[in-house]
Amino acid sequence: MARFRLIRYRRPSLSTLLGVTRAKRRFKTATGYYAATRWLRAPTNYRRRAPADGLLLWPHEIPALPLRTALAAISRRLAMPAML
């Protein structure tokens, strides 16, 4: 059961309180669903993680950065192989 706190950012849903969400995740893990869809989700996961890791700059971010910072980020991106 989840530990309850006095102050929460969001109220948990009824499914979460009843344990439905945890049961669904355990079922998917036990049946190998996540392992089977790992390769299908790889491009989406990369697009989500790369900007946070500093591996990718979206076009609208480049002009906002100083030239030196932008060049450093691009050189880091070229030096590291893509992790999928």
C-alpha atoms as a PDB file:
ATOM      1  CA  MET A   1       0.000   0.000   0.000  1.00  0.00           C
ATOM      2  CA  ALA A   2       1.209   3.475  -0.773  1.00  0.00           C
ATOM      3  CA  ARG A   3       2.485   5.664   2.015  1.00  0.00           C
ATOM      4  CA  PHE A   4       0.195   8.636   2.583  1.00  0.00           C
ATOM      5  CA  ARG A   5       1.579  12.096   3.127  1.00  0.00           C
ATOM      6  CA  LEU A   6      -0.145  15.078   4.613  1.00  0.00           C
ATOM      7  CA  ILE A   7       0.660  17.394   1.699  1.00  0.00           C
ATOM      8  CA  ARG A   8       0.285  16.148  -1.862  1.00  0.00           C
ATOM      9  CA  TYR A   9       0.604  17.917  -5.185  1.00  0.00           C
ATOM     10  CA  ARG A  10      -2.188  15.890  -6.793  1.00  0.00           C
ATOM     11  CA  ARG A  11      -4.959  13.767  -5.375  1.00  0.00           C
ATOM     12  CA  PRO A  12      -4.519  10.088  -6.300  1.00  0.00           C
ATOM     13  CA  SER A  13      -7.122   8.548  -8.557  1.00  0.00           C
ATOM     14  CA  LEU A  14      -9.563   5.904  -7.373  1.00  0.00           C
ATOM     15  CA  SER A  15      -7.725   3.275  -9.446  1.00  0.00           C
ATOM     16  CA  THR A  16      -4.482   4.095  -7.689  1.00  0.00           C
ATOM     17  CA  LEU A  17      -6.069   3.927  -4.260  1.00  0.00           C
ATOM     18  CA  LEU A  18      -7.701   0.570  -5.029  1.00  0.00           C
ATOM     19  CA  GLY A  19      -4.429  -0.897  -6.310  1.00  0.00           C
ATOM     20  CA  VAL A  20      -5.602  -1.366  -9.900  1.00  0.00           C
ATOM     21  CA  THR A  21      -2.663   0.545 -11.351  1.00  0.00           C
ATOM     22  CA  ARG A  22      -0.097  -1.517  -9.455  1.00  0.00           C
ATOM     23  CA  ALA A  23      -1.823  -4.768 -10.408  1.00  0.00           C
ATOM     24  CA  LYS A  24      -1.795  -3.809 -14.101  1.00  0.00           C
ATOM     25  CA  ARG A  25       1.906  -2.954 -13.968  1.00  0.00           C
ATOM     26  CA  ARG A  26       2.751  -6.219 -12.218  1.00  0.00           C
ATOM     27  CA  PHE A  27       0.765  -8.160 -14.816  1.00  0.00           C
ATOM     28  CA  LYS A  28       2.516  -6.431 -17.711  1.00  0.00           C
ATOM     29  CA  THR A  29       5.921  -7.028 -16.140  1.00  0.00           C
ATOM     30  CA  ALA A  30       5.164 -10.686 -15.430  1.00  0.00           C
ATOM     31  CA  THR A  31       3.911 -11.365 -18.971  1.00  0.00           C
ATOM     32  CA  GLY A  32       6.855  -9.621 -20.636  1.00  0.00           C
ATOM     33  CA  TYR A  33       4.846  -6.819 -22.222  1.00  0.00           C
ATOM     34  CA  TYR A  34       7.452  -4.158 -21.439  1.00  0.00           C
ATOM     35  CA  ALA A  35      10.287  -6.275 -22.828  1.00  0.00           C
ATOM     36  CA  ALA A  36       8.311  -6.955 -26.007  1.00  0.00           C
ATOM     37  CA  THR A  37       7.496  -3.283 -26.641  1.00  0.00           C
ATOM     38  CA  ARG A  38      10.939  -1.981 -25.678  1.00  0.00           C
ATOM     39  CA  TRP A  39      12.167  -1.776 -29.283  1.00  0.00           C
ATOM     40  CA  LEU A  40       8.966  -0.141 -30.489  1.00  0.00           C
ATOM     41  CA  ARG A  41       9.220   2.533 -27.787  1.00  0.00           C
ATOM     42  CA  ALA A  42      12.945   3.217 -28.318  1.00  0.00           C
ATOM     43  CA  PRO A  43      12.553   6.168 -30.758  1.00  0.00           C
ATOM     44  CA  THR A  44       9.981   7.873 -28.534  1.00  0.00           C
ATOM     45  CA  ASN A  45      12.088   7.326 -25.429  1.00  0.00           C
ATOM     46  CA  TYR A  46      15.163   8.746 -27.178  1.00  0.00           C
ATOM     47  CA  ARG A  47      13.281  11.888 -28.265  1.00  0.00           C
ATOM     48  CA  ARG A  48      12.091  12.366 -24.689  1.00  0.00           C
ATOM     49  CA  ARG A  49      15.420  11.710 -22.942  1.00  0.00           C
ATOM     50  CA  ALA A  50      17.935  13.258 -25.336  1.00  0.00           C
ATOM     51  CA  PRO A  51      17.097  16.931 -24.656  1.00  0.00           C
ATOM     52  CA  ALA A  52      17.209  16.325 -20.900  1.00  0.00           C
ATOM     53  CA  ASP A  53      20.613  14.645 -21.209  1.00  0.00           C
ATOM     54  CA  GLY A  54      21.965  17.471 -23.354  1.00  0.00           C
ATOM     55  CA  LEU A  55      22.366  15.183 -26.357  1.00  0.00           C
ATOM     56  CA  LEU A  56      19.910  16.962 -28.602  1.00  0.00           C
ATOM     57  CA  LEU A  57      19.015  20.556 -29.270  1.00  0.00           C
ATOM     58  CA  TRP A  58      15.686  21.354 -30.867  1.00  0.00           C
ATOM     59  CA  PRO A  59      15.856  24.058 -33.571  1.00  0.00           C
ATOM     60  CA  HIS A  60      13.989  26.621 -31.468  1.00  0.00           C
ATOM     61  CA  GLU A  61      16.577  26.288 -28.664  1.00  0.00           C
ATOM     62  CA  ILE A  62      19.711  27.042 -30.679  1.00  0.00           C
ATOM     63  CA  PRO A  63      19.313  30.832 -31.123  1.00  0.00           C
ATOM     64  CA  ALA A  64      18.540  31.311 -27.422  1.00  0.00           C
ATOM     65  CA  LEU A  65      21.888  29.876 -26.379  1.00  0.00           C
ATOM     66  CA  PRO A  66      25.163  31.751 -26.575  1.00  0.00           C
ATOM     67  CA  LEU A  67      27.267  30.525 -29.488  1.00  0.00           C
ATOM     68  CA  ARG A  68      29.887  28.943 -27.235  1.00  0.00           C
ATOM     69  CA  THR A  69      27.243  26.931 -25.319  1.00  0.00           C
ATOM     70  CA  ALA A  70      25.516  25.840 -28.517  1.00  0.00           C
ATOM     71  CA  LEU A  71      28.786  24.648 -30.043  1.00  0.00           C
ATOM     72  CA  ALA A  72      29.682  22.765 -26.861  1.00  0.00           C
ATOM     73  CA  ALA A  73      26.306  21.022 -26.837  1.00  0.00           C
ATOM     74  CA  ILE A  74      26.609  20.082 -30.500  1.00  0.00           C
ATOM     75  CA  SER A  75      30.125  18.740 -30.003  1.00  0.00           C
ATOM     76  CA  ARG A  76      28.924  16.643 -27.029  1.00  0.00           C
ATOM     77  CA  ARG A  77      26.148  15.274 -29.222  1.00  0.00           C
ATOM     78  CA  LEU A  78      28.600  14.304 -31.954  1.00  0.00           C
ATOM     79  CA  ALA A  79      31.053  12.728 -29.502  1.00  0.00           C
ATOM     80  CA  MET A  80      28.499  10.426 -27.844  1.00  0.00           C
ATOM     81  CA  PRO A  81      26.908   7.529 -29.733  1.00  0.00           C
ATOM     82  CA  ALA A  82      23.137   7.301 -29.610  1.00  0.00           C
ATOM     83  CA  MET A  83      21.921   5.082 -26.785  1.00  0.00           C
ATOM     84  CA  LEU A  84      18.808   3.145 -27.641  1.00  0.00           C
END
